[in-house]
PDB file of all heavy atoms in Angstrom:
ATOM      1  N   PHE A   1     257.058 -11.565  91.529  1.00  0.00           N
ATOM      2  CA  PHE A   1     257.179 -10.116  91.674  1.00  0.00           C
ATOM      3  C   PHE A   1     257.629  -9.453  90.372  1.00  0.00           C
ATOM      4  O   PHE A   1     257.164  -8.359  90.029  1.00  0.00           O
ATOM      5  CB  PHE A   1     258.154  -9.772  92.801  1.00  0.00           C
ATOM      6  CG  PHE A   1     257.593 -10.011  94.171  1.00  0.00           C
ATOM      7  CD1 PHE A   1     258.426 -10.327  95.226  1.00  0.00           C
ATOM      8  CD2 PHE A   1     256.233  -9.938  94.397  1.00  0.00           C
ATOM      9  CE1 PHE A   1     257.904 -10.555  96.499  1.00  0.00           C
ATOM     10  CE2 PHE A   1     255.701 -10.158  95.657  1.00  0.00           C
ATOM     11  CZ  PHE A   1     256.532 -10.472  96.711  1.00  0.00           C
ATOM     12  N   LEU A   2     258.548 -10.103  89.664  1.00  0.00           N
ATOM     13  CA  LEU A   2     259.012  -9.541  88.393  1.00  0.00           C
ATOM     14  C   LEU A   2     257.873  -9.416  87.391  1.00  0.00           C
ATOM     15  O   LEU A   2     257.849  -8.499  86.573  1.00  0.00           O
ATOM     16  CB  LEU A   2     260.121 -10.417  87.795  1.00  0.00           C
ATOM     17  CG  LEU A   2     261.537 -10.201  88.318  1.00  0.00           C
ATOM     18  CD1 LEU A   2     262.487 -11.212  87.703  1.00  0.00           C
ATOM     19  CD2 LEU A   2     262.014  -8.794  88.019  1.00  0.00           C
ATOM     20  N   ILE A   3     256.926 -10.337  87.475  1.00  0.00           N
ATOM     21  CA  ILE A   3     255.824 -10.337  86.504  1.00  0.00           C
ATOM     22  C   ILE A   3     254.735  -9.347  86.888  1.00  0.00           C
ATOM     23  O   ILE A   3     254.291  -8.538  86.071  1.00  0.00           O
ATOM     24  CB  ILE A   3     255.228 -11.758  86.376  1.00  0.00           C
ATOM     25  CG1 ILE A   3     256.262 -12.697  85.761  1.00  0.00           C
ATOM     26  CG2 ILE A   3     253.961 -11.735  85.531  1.00  0.00           C
ATOM     27  CD1 ILE A   3     255.821 -14.146  85.733  1.00  0.00           C
ATOM     28  N   ILE A   4     254.294  -9.383  88.158  1.00  0.00           N
ATOM     29  CA  ILE A   4     253.075  -8.653  88.512  1.00  0.00           C
ATOM     30  C   ILE A   4     253.302  -7.229  89.000  1.00  0.00           C
ATOM     31  O   ILE A   4     252.425  -6.374  88.831  1.00  0.00           O
ATOM     32  CB  ILE A   4     252.278  -9.419  89.590  1.00  0.00           C
ATOM     33  CG1 ILE A   4     253.051  -9.447  90.922  1.00  0.00           C
ATOM     34  CG2 ILE A   4     251.966 -10.831  89.131  1.00  0.00           C
ATOM     35  CD1 ILE A   4     252.240 -10.006  92.069  1.00  0.00           C
ATOM     36  N   LEU A   5     254.470  -6.941  89.611  1.00  0.00           N
ATOM     37  CA  LEU A   5     254.611  -5.659  90.275  1.00  0.00           C
ATOM     38  C   LEU A   5     254.886  -4.456  89.358  1.00  0.00           C
ATOM     39  O   LEU A   5     254.257  -3.408  89.535  1.00  0.00           O
ATOM     40  CB  LEU A   5     255.697  -5.736  91.352  1.00  0.00           C
ATOM     41  CG  LEU A   5     255.244  -6.308  92.699  1.00  0.00           C
ATOM     42  CD1 LEU A   5     256.362  -6.192  93.718  1.00  0.00           C
ATOM     43  CD2 LEU A   5     254.005  -5.583  93.207  1.00  0.00           C
ATOM     44  N   PRO A   6     255.843  -4.532  88.394  1.00  0.00           N
ATOM     45  CA  PRO A   6     256.163  -3.317  87.630  1.00  0.00           C
ATOM     46  C   PRO A   6     254.960  -2.652  86.964  1.00  0.00           C
ATOM     47  O   PRO A   6     254.768  -1.441  87.096  1.00  0.00           O
ATOM     48  CB  PRO A   6     257.182  -3.815  86.595  1.00  0.00           C
ATOM     49  CG  PRO A   6     257.846  -4.972  87.263  1.00  0.00           C
ATOM     50  CD  PRO A   6     256.763  -5.632  88.047  1.00  0.00           C
ATOM     51  N   GLU A   7     254.135  -3.420  86.251  1.00  0.00           N
ATOM     52  CA  GLU A   7     252.970  -2.820  85.591  1.00  0.00           C
ATOM     53  C   GLU A   7     251.943  -2.323  86.608  1.00  0.00           C
ATOM     54  O   GLU A   7     251.259  -1.329  86.370  1.00  0.00           O
ATOM     55  CB  GLU A   7     252.312  -3.819  84.645  1.00  0.00           C
ATOM     56  CG  GLU A   7     253.056  -4.024  83.340  1.00  0.00           C
ATOM     57  CD  GLU A   7     253.112  -2.766  82.483  1.00  0.00           C
ATOM     58  OE1 GLU A   7     252.143  -1.976  82.503  1.00  0.00           O
ATOM     59  OE2 GLU A   7     254.128  -2.555  81.794  1.00  0.00           O
ATOM     60  N   ALA A   8     251.853  -3.010  87.746  1.00  0.00           N
ATOM     61  CA  ALA A   8     250.943  -2.550  88.801  1.00  0.00           C
ATOM     62  C   ALA A   8     251.400  -1.212  89.358  1.00  0.00           C
ATOM     63  O   ALA A   8     250.592  -0.311  89.607  1.00  0.00           O
ATOM     64  CB  ALA A   8     250.863  -3.594  89.914  1.00  0.00           C
ATOM     65  N   ILE A   9     252.710  -1.054  89.551  1.00  0.00           N
ATOM     66  CA  ILE A   9     253.276   0.206  90.047  1.00  0.00           C
ATOM     67  C   ILE A   9     253.087   1.310  89.018  1.00  0.00           C
ATOM     68  O   ILE A   9     252.774   2.457  89.354  1.00  0.00           O
ATOM     69  CB  ILE A   9     254.767   0.033  90.383  1.00  0.00           C
ATOM     70  CG1 ILE A   9     254.943  -0.948  91.548  1.00  0.00           C
ATOM     71  CG2 ILE A   9     255.413   1.371  90.719  1.00  0.00           C
ATOM     72  CD1 ILE A   9     256.383  -1.339  91.809  1.00  0.00           C
ATOM     73  N   ALA A  10     253.264   0.965  87.735  1.00  0.00           N
ATOM     74  CA  ALA A  10     253.248   1.971  86.666  1.00  0.00           C
ATOM     75  C   ALA A  10     251.901   2.659  86.523  1.00  0.00           C
ATOM     76  O   ALA A  10     251.831   3.844  86.184  1.00  0.00           O
ATOM     77  CB  ALA A  10     253.645   1.326  85.336  1.00  0.00           C
ATOM     78  N   TRP A  11     250.802   1.943  86.785  1.00  0.00           N
ATOM     79  CA  TRP A  11     249.473   2.515  86.545  1.00  0.00           C
ATOM     80  C   TRP A  11     248.630   2.621  87.803  1.00  0.00           C
ATOM     81  O   TRP A  11     247.857   3.560  87.958  1.00  0.00           O
ATOM     82  CB  TRP A  11     248.720   1.670  85.504  1.00  0.00           C
ATOM     83  CG  TRP A  11     249.473   1.520  84.224  1.00  0.00           C
ATOM     84  CD1 TRP A  11     250.026   0.375  83.715  1.00  0.00           C
ATOM     85  CD2 TRP A  11     249.797   2.551  83.288  1.00  0.00           C
ATOM     86  NE1 TRP A  11     250.654   0.625  82.521  1.00  0.00           N
ATOM     87  CE2 TRP A  11     250.528   1.956  82.232  1.00  0.00           C
ATOM     88  CE3 TRP A  11     249.527   3.915  83.231  1.00  0.00           C
ATOM     89  CZ2 TRP A  11     250.995   2.670  81.147  1.00  0.00           C
ATOM     90  CZ3 TRP A  11     249.997   4.642  82.143  1.00  0.00           C
ATOM     91  CH2 TRP A  11     250.718   4.025  81.121  1.00  0.00           C
ATOM     92  N   GLN A  12     248.755   1.626  88.697  1.00  0.00           N
ATOM     93  CA  GLN A  12     247.933   1.587  89.913  1.00  0.00           C
ATOM     94  C   GLN A  12     246.457   1.777  89.556  1.00  0.00           C
ATOM     95  O   GLN A  12     245.722   2.526  90.203  1.00  0.00           O
ATOM     96  CB  GLN A  12     248.412   2.645  90.917  1.00  0.00           C
ATOM     97  CG  GLN A  12     249.871   2.418  91.327  1.00  0.00           C
ATOM     98  CD  GLN A  12     250.338   3.301  92.435  1.00  0.00           C
ATOM     99  OE1 GLN A  12     249.556   3.725  93.274  1.00  0.00           O
ATOM    100  NE2 GLN A  12     251.637   3.581  92.478  1.00  0.00           N
ATOM    101  N   ASN A  13     246.082   1.093  88.482  1.00  0.00           N
ATOM    102  CA  ASN A  13     244.705   1.129  87.987  1.00  0.00           C
ATOM    103  C   ASN A  13     244.290  -0.299  87.663  1.00  0.00           C
ATOM    104  O   ASN A  13     244.885  -0.942  86.796  1.00  0.00           O
ATOM    105  CB  ASN A  13     244.620   2.025  86.756  1.00  0.00           C
ATOM    106  CG  ASN A  13     243.215   2.129  86.202  1.00  0.00           C
ATOM    107  OD1 ASN A  13     242.622   1.127  85.776  1.00  0.00           O
ATOM    108  ND2 ASN A  13     242.677   3.330  86.190  1.00  0.00           N
ATOM    109  N   LEU A  14     243.270  -0.798  88.353  1.00  0.00           N
ATOM    110  CA  LEU A  14     242.897  -2.205  88.231  1.00  0.00           C
ATOM    111  C   LEU A  14     242.414  -2.551  86.824  1.00  0.00           C
ATOM    112  O   LEU A  14     242.782  -3.605  86.272  1.00  0.00           O
ATOM    113  CB  LEU A  14     241.811  -2.545  89.257  1.00  0.00           C
ATOM    114  CG  LEU A  14     241.656  -4.024  89.621  1.00  0.00           C
ATOM    115  CD1 LEU A  14     242.950  -4.578  90.182  1.00  0.00           C
ATOM    116  CD2 LEU A  14     240.525  -4.207  90.610  1.00  0.00           C
ATOM    117  N   ASP A  15     241.612  -1.677  86.221  1.00  0.00           N
ATOM    118  CA  ASP A  15     241.098  -1.950  84.876  1.00  0.00           C
ATOM    119  C   ASP A  15     242.233  -2.012  83.860  1.00  0.00           C
ATOM    120  O   ASP A  15     242.291  -2.913  83.020  1.00  0.00           O
ATOM    121  CB  ASP A  15     240.089  -0.874  84.463  1.00  0.00           C
ATOM    122  CG  ASP A  15     238.801  -0.957  85.271  1.00  0.00           C
ATOM    123  OD1 ASP A  15     238.505  -2.063  85.779  1.00  0.00           O
ATOM    124  OD2 ASP A  15     238.116   0.068  85.411  1.00  0.00           O
ATOM    125  N   GLN A  16     243.135  -1.019  83.932  1.00  0.00           N
ATOM    126  CA  GLN A  16     244.275  -1.010  83.022  1.00  0.00           C
ATOM    127  C   GLN A  16     245.132  -2.262  83.213  1.00  0.00           C
ATOM    128  O   GLN A  16     245.620  -2.858  82.251  1.00  0.00           O
ATOM    129  CB  GLN A  16     245.121   0.246  83.254  1.00  0.00           C
ATOM    130  CG  GLN A  16     246.543   0.195  82.705  1.00  0.00           C
ATOM    131  CD  GLN A  16     246.591   0.114  81.195  1.00  0.00           C
ATOM    132  OE1 GLN A  16     245.641   0.497  80.533  1.00  0.00           O
ATOM    133  NE2 GLN A  16     247.687  -0.393  80.660  1.00  0.00           N
ATOM    134  N   TYR A  17     245.306  -2.661  84.467  1.00  0.00           N
ATOM    135  CA  TYR A  17     246.140  -3.818  84.793  1.00  0.00           C
ATOM    136  C   TYR A  17     245.588  -5.093  84.159  1.00  0.00           C
ATOM    137  O   TYR A  17     246.310  -5.838  83.491  1.00  0.00           O
ATOM    138  CB  TYR A  17     246.201  -3.963  86.312  1.00  0.00           C
ATOM    139  CG  TYR A  17     247.208  -4.970  86.806  1.00  0.00           C
ATOM    140  CD1 TYR A  17     248.568  -4.709  86.707  1.00  0.00           C
ATOM    141  CD2 TYR A  17     246.799  -6.171  87.379  1.00  0.00           C
ATOM    142  CE1 TYR A  17     249.493  -5.624  87.178  1.00  0.00           C
ATOM    143  CE2 TYR A  17     247.722  -7.080  87.839  1.00  0.00           C
ATOM    144  CZ  TYR A  17     249.070  -6.805  87.741  1.00  0.00           C
ATOM    145  OH  TYR A  17     249.989  -7.717  88.194  1.00  0.00           O
ATOM    146  N   PHE A  18     244.283  -5.353  84.326  1.00  0.00           N
ATOM    147  CA  PHE A  18     243.693  -6.567  83.769  1.00  0.00           C
ATOM    148  C   PHE A  18     243.588  -6.506  82.246  1.00  0.00           C
ATOM    149  O   PHE A  18     243.732  -7.521  81.563  1.00  0.00           O
ATOM    150  CB  PHE A  18     242.312  -6.814  84.390  1.00  0.00           C
ATOM    151  CG  PHE A  18     242.384  -7.387  85.781  1.00  0.00           C
ATOM    152  CD1 PHE A  18     241.987  -6.639  86.883  1.00  0.00           C
ATOM    153  CD2 PHE A  18     242.872  -8.671  85.996  1.00  0.00           C
ATOM    154  CE1 PHE A  18     242.064  -7.157  88.161  1.00  0.00           C
ATOM    155  CE2 PHE A  18     242.953  -9.208  87.267  1.00  0.00           C
ATOM    156  CZ  PHE A  18     242.549  -8.447  88.357  1.00  0.00           C
ATOM    157  N   ASN A  19     243.335  -5.323  81.705  1.00  0.00           N
ATOM    158  CA  ASN A  19     243.287  -5.180  80.243  1.00  0.00           C
ATOM    159  C   ASN A  19     244.631  -5.527  79.624  1.00  0.00           C
ATOM    160  O   ASN A  19     244.705  -6.170  78.564  1.00  0.00           O
ATOM    161  CB  ASN A  19     242.892  -3.753  79.863  1.00  0.00           C
ATOM    162  CG  ASN A  19     241.435  -3.473  80.125  1.00  0.00           C
ATOM    163  OD1 ASN A  19     240.625  -4.397  80.217  1.00  0.00           O
ATOM    164  ND2 ASN A  19     241.086  -2.202  80.268  1.00  0.00           N
ATOM    165  N   PHE A  20     245.723  -5.089  80.288  1.00  0.00           N
ATOM    166  CA  PHE A  20     247.050  -5.373  79.753  1.00  0.00           C
ATOM    167  C   PHE A  20     247.369  -6.861  79.831  1.00  0.00           C
ATOM    168  O   PHE A  20     247.851  -7.467  78.867  1.00  0.00           O
ATOM    169  CB  PHE A  20     248.115  -4.565  80.501  1.00  0.00           C
ATOM    170  CG  PHE A  20     249.518  -4.991  80.182  1.00  0.00           C
ATOM    171  CD1 PHE A  20     250.063  -4.754  78.932  1.00  0.00           C
ATOM    172  CD2 PHE A  20     250.290  -5.661  81.123  1.00  0.00           C
ATOM    173  CE1 PHE A  20     251.362  -5.160  78.622  1.00  0.00           C
ATOM    174  CE2 PHE A  20     251.579  -6.069  80.825  1.00  0.00           C
ATOM    175  CZ  PHE A  20     252.110  -5.814  79.567  1.00  0.00           C
ATOM    176  N   PHE A  21     247.093  -7.492  80.980  1.00  0.00           N
ATOM    177  CA  PHE A  21     247.464  -8.889  81.158  1.00  0.00           C
ATOM    178  C   PHE A  21     246.536  -9.867  80.431  1.00  0.00           C
ATOM    179  O   PHE A  21     246.754 -11.071  80.483  1.00  0.00           O
ATOM    180  CB  PHE A  21     247.535  -9.234  82.656  1.00  0.00           C
ATOM    181  CG  PHE A  21     248.871  -8.927  83.262  1.00  0.00           C
ATOM    182  CD1 PHE A  21     249.089  -7.718  83.904  1.00  0.00           C
ATOM    183  CD2 PHE A  21     249.931  -9.802  83.148  1.00  0.00           C
ATOM    184  CE1 PHE A  21     250.334  -7.414  84.451  1.00  0.00           C
ATOM    185  CE2 PHE A  21     251.171  -9.513  83.681  1.00  0.00           C
ATOM    186  CZ  PHE A  21     251.374  -8.316  84.334  1.00  0.00           C
ATOM    187  N   THR A  22     245.537  -9.338  79.765  1.00  0.00           N
ATOM    188  CA  THR A  22     244.725 -10.180  78.879  1.00  0.00           C
ATOM    189  C   THR A  22     244.981  -9.849  77.414  1.00  0.00           C
ATOM    190  O   THR A  22     244.273 -10.344  76.539  1.00  0.00           O
ATOM    191  CB  THR A  22     243.224  -9.987  79.185  1.00  0.00           C
ATOM    192  OG1 THR A  22     242.893  -8.593  79.103  1.00  0.00           O
ATOM    193  CG2 THR A  22     242.893 -10.513  80.565  1.00  0.00           C
ATOM    194  N   SER A  23     245.993  -9.009  77.146  1.00  0.00           N
ATOM    195  CA  SER A  23     246.328  -8.638  75.769  1.00  0.00           C
ATOM    196  C   SER A  23     247.500  -9.474  75.268  1.00  0.00           C
ATOM    197  O   SER A  23     248.189 -10.157  76.036  1.00  0.00           O
ATOM    198  CB  SER A  23     246.683  -7.153  75.690  1.00  0.00           C
ATOM    199  OG  SER A  23     247.936  -6.907  76.321  1.00  0.00           O
ATOM    200  N   SER A  24     247.761  -9.392  73.965  1.00  0.00           N
ATOM    201  CA  SER A  24     248.869 -10.153  73.375  1.00  0.00           C
ATOM    202  C   SER A  24     250.222  -9.570  73.747  1.00  0.00           C
ATOM    203  O   SER A  24     251.245 -10.257  73.661  1.00  0.00           O
ATOM    204  CB  SER A  24     248.726 -10.169  71.841  1.00  0.00           C
ATOM    205  OG  SER A  24     248.700  -8.842  71.328  1.00  0.00           O
ATOM    206  N   TYR A  25     250.245  -8.286  74.183  1.00  0.00           N
ATOM    207  CA  TYR A  25     251.521  -7.638  74.508  1.00  0.00           C
ATOM    208  C   TYR A  25     252.133  -8.187  75.799  1.00  0.00           C
ATOM    209  O   TYR A  25     253.307  -7.932  76.080  1.00  0.00           O
ATOM    210  CB  TYR A  25     251.338  -6.127  74.638  1.00  0.00           C
ATOM    211  CG  TYR A  25     251.126  -5.450  73.312  1.00  0.00           C
ATOM    212  CD1 TYR A  25     249.872  -4.992  72.954  1.00  0.00           C
ATOM    213  CD2 TYR A  25     252.171  -5.291  72.406  1.00  0.00           C
ATOM    214  CE1 TYR A  25     249.663  -4.373  71.726  1.00  0.00           C
ATOM    215  CE2 TYR A  25     251.971  -4.672  71.188  1.00  0.00           C
ATOM    216  CZ  TYR A  25     250.715  -4.218  70.854  1.00  0.00           C
ATOM    217  OH  TYR A  25     250.520  -3.615  69.644  1.00  0.00           O
ATOM    218  N   VAL A  26     251.341  -8.895  76.588  1.00  0.00           N
ATOM    219  CA  VAL A  26     251.883  -9.437  77.828  1.00  0.00           C
ATOM    220  C   VAL A  26     252.988 -10.446  77.532  1.00  0.00           C
ATOM    221  O   VAL A  26     253.942 -10.597  78.320  1.00  0.00           O
ATOM    222  CB  VAL A  26     250.756 -10.087  78.668  1.00  0.00           C
ATOM    223  CG1 VAL A  26     250.254 -11.376  78.027  1.00  0.00           C
ATOM    224  CG2 VAL A  26     251.236 -10.366  80.079  1.00  0.00           C
ATOM    225  N   LEU A  27     252.935 -11.126  76.378  1.00  0.00           N
ATOM    226  CA  LEU A  27     253.986 -12.071  76.011  1.00  0.00           C
ATOM    227  C   LEU A  27     255.307 -11.336  75.778  1.00  0.00           C
ATOM    228  O   LEU A  27     256.370 -11.784  76.232  1.00  0.00           O
ATOM    229  CB  LEU A  27     253.581 -12.854  74.749  1.00  0.00           C
ATOM    230  CG  LEU A  27     254.615 -13.850  74.225  1.00  0.00           C
ATOM    231  CD1 LEU A  27     254.924 -14.918  75.276  1.00  0.00           C
ATOM    232  CD2 LEU A  27     254.123 -14.508  72.933  1.00  0.00           C
ATOM    233  N   ILE A  28     255.237 -10.203  75.069  1.00  0.00           N
ATOM    234  CA  ILE A  28     256.447  -9.399  74.846  1.00  0.00           C
ATOM    235  C   ILE A  28     256.990  -8.897  76.179  1.00  0.00           C
ATOM    236  O   ILE A  28     258.206  -8.880  76.413  1.00  0.00           O
ATOM    237  CB  ILE A  28     256.145  -8.225  73.902  1.00  0.00           C
ATOM    238  CG1 ILE A  28     255.620  -8.732  72.565  1.00  0.00           C
ATOM    239  CG2 ILE A  28     257.391  -7.372  73.681  1.00  0.00           C
ATOM    240  CD1 ILE A  28     255.218  -7.626  71.608  1.00  0.00           C
ATOM    241  N   TYR A  29     256.091  -8.479  77.057  1.00  0.00           N
ATOM    242  CA  TYR A  29     256.479  -8.000  78.381  1.00  0.00           C
ATOM    243  C   TYR A  29     257.247  -9.074  79.153  1.00  0.00           C
ATOM    244  O   TYR A  29     258.313  -8.813  79.725  1.00  0.00           O
ATOM    245  CB  TYR A  29     255.223  -7.573  79.129  1.00  0.00           C
ATOM    246  CG  TYR A  29     255.406  -7.316  80.601  1.00  0.00           C
ATOM    247  CD1 TYR A  29     256.057  -6.178  81.060  1.00  0.00           C
ATOM    248  CD2 TYR A  29     254.908  -8.212  81.552  1.00  0.00           C
ATOM    249  CE1 TYR A  29     256.212  -5.944  82.408  1.00  0.00           C
ATOM    250  CE2 TYR A  29     255.060  -7.982  82.902  1.00  0.00           C
ATOM    251  CZ  TYR A  29     255.707  -6.844  83.323  1.00  0.00           C
ATOM    252  OH  TYR A  29     255.868  -6.613  84.666  1.00  0.00           O
ATOM    253  N   LEU A  30     256.723 -10.293  79.160  1.00  0.00           N
ATOM    254  CA  LEU A  30     257.379 -11.391  79.875  1.00  0.00           C
ATOM    255  C   LEU A  30     258.736 -11.706  79.271  1.00  0.00           C
ATOM    256  O   LEU A  30     259.712 -11.959  79.989  1.00  0.00           O
ATOM    257  CB  LEU A  30     256.487 -12.631  79.851  1.00  0.00           C
ATOM    258  CG  LEU A  30     255.159 -12.538  80.610  1.00  0.00           C
ATOM    259  CD1 LEU A  30     254.349 -13.809  80.414  1.00  0.00           C
ATOM    260  CD2 LEU A  30     255.404 -12.282  82.088  1.00  0.00           C
ATOM    261  N   LEU A  31     258.822 -11.693  77.944  1.00  0.00           N
ATOM    262  CA  LEU A  31     260.103 -11.968  77.280  1.00  0.00           C
ATOM    263  C   LEU A  31     261.144 -10.931  77.655  1.00  0.00           C
ATOM    264  O   LEU A  31     262.315 -11.258  77.900  1.00  0.00           O
ATOM    265  CB  LEU A  31     259.907 -12.008  75.766  1.00  0.00           C
ATOM    266  CG  LEU A  31     259.172 -13.232  75.201  1.00  0.00           C
ATOM    267  CD1 LEU A  31     258.905 -13.048  73.707  1.00  0.00           C
ATOM    268  CD2 LEU A  31     259.977 -14.504  75.446  1.00  0.00           C
ATOM    269  N   ILE A  32     260.742  -9.651  77.721  1.00  0.00           N
ATOM    270  CA  ILE A  32     261.682  -8.581  78.069  1.00  0.00           C
ATOM    271  C   ILE A  32     262.166  -8.741  79.508  1.00  0.00           C
ATOM    272  O   ILE A  32     263.370  -8.635  79.796  1.00  0.00           O
ATOM    273  CB  ILE A  32     261.024  -7.197  77.873  1.00  0.00           C
ATOM    274  CG1 ILE A  32     260.806  -6.924  76.390  1.00  0.00           C
ATOM    275  CG2 ILE A  32     261.884  -6.097  78.488  1.00  0.00           C
ATOM    276  CD1 ILE A  32     260.030  -5.653  76.108  1.00  0.00           C
ATOM    277  N   VAL A  33     261.240  -8.999  80.425  1.00  0.00           N
ATOM    278  CA  VAL A  33     261.601  -9.132  81.842  1.00  0.00           C
ATOM    279  C   VAL A  33     262.564 -10.293  82.058  1.00  0.00           C
ATOM    280  O   VAL A  33     263.626 -10.142  82.687  1.00  0.00           O
ATOM    281  CB  VAL A  33     260.331  -9.314  82.705  1.00  0.00           C
ATOM    282  CG1 VAL A  33     260.711  -9.719  84.127  1.00  0.00           C
ATOM    283  CG2 VAL A  33     259.512  -8.035  82.732  1.00  0.00           C
ATOM    284  N   PHE A  34     262.223 -11.460  81.525  1.00  0.00           N
ATOM    285  CA  PHE A  34     263.079 -12.627  81.742  1.00  0.00           C
ATOM    286  C   PHE A  34     264.390 -12.532  80.969  1.00  0.00           C
ATOM    287  O   PHE A  34     265.417 -13.058  81.418  1.00  0.00           O
ATOM    288  CB  PHE A  34     262.326 -13.907  81.371  1.00  0.00           C
ATOM    289  CG  PHE A  34     261.261 -14.276  82.355  1.00  0.00           C
ATOM    290  CD1 PHE A  34     259.935 -14.372  81.969  1.00  0.00           C
ATOM    291  CD2 PHE A  34     261.573 -14.486  83.685  1.00  0.00           C
ATOM    292  CE1 PHE A  34     258.951 -14.694  82.877  1.00  0.00           C
ATOM    293  CE2 PHE A  34     260.596 -14.814  84.607  1.00  0.00           C
ATOM    294  CZ  PHE A  34     259.276 -14.916  84.209  1.00  0.00           C
ATOM    295  N   SER A  35     264.380 -11.871  79.828  1.00  0.00           N
ATOM    296  CA  SER A  35     265.619 -11.692  79.068  1.00  0.00           C
ATOM    297  C   SER A  35     266.575 -10.751  79.800  1.00  0.00           C
ATOM    298  O   SER A  35     267.790 -10.962  79.797  1.00  0.00           O
ATOM    299  CB  SER A  35     265.311 -11.154  77.670  1.00  0.00           C
ATOM    300  OG  SER A  35     264.528 -12.070  76.939  1.00  0.00           O
TER     301      SER A  35
END
């Protein structure tokens, strides 16, 4: 839930969601959440 829900809530757009999770910024996102 920590990984998939916040960005899904923020945009509620399937294309934006998959574009983000296939980008390099997803690593920074995961580091911030777990930190």
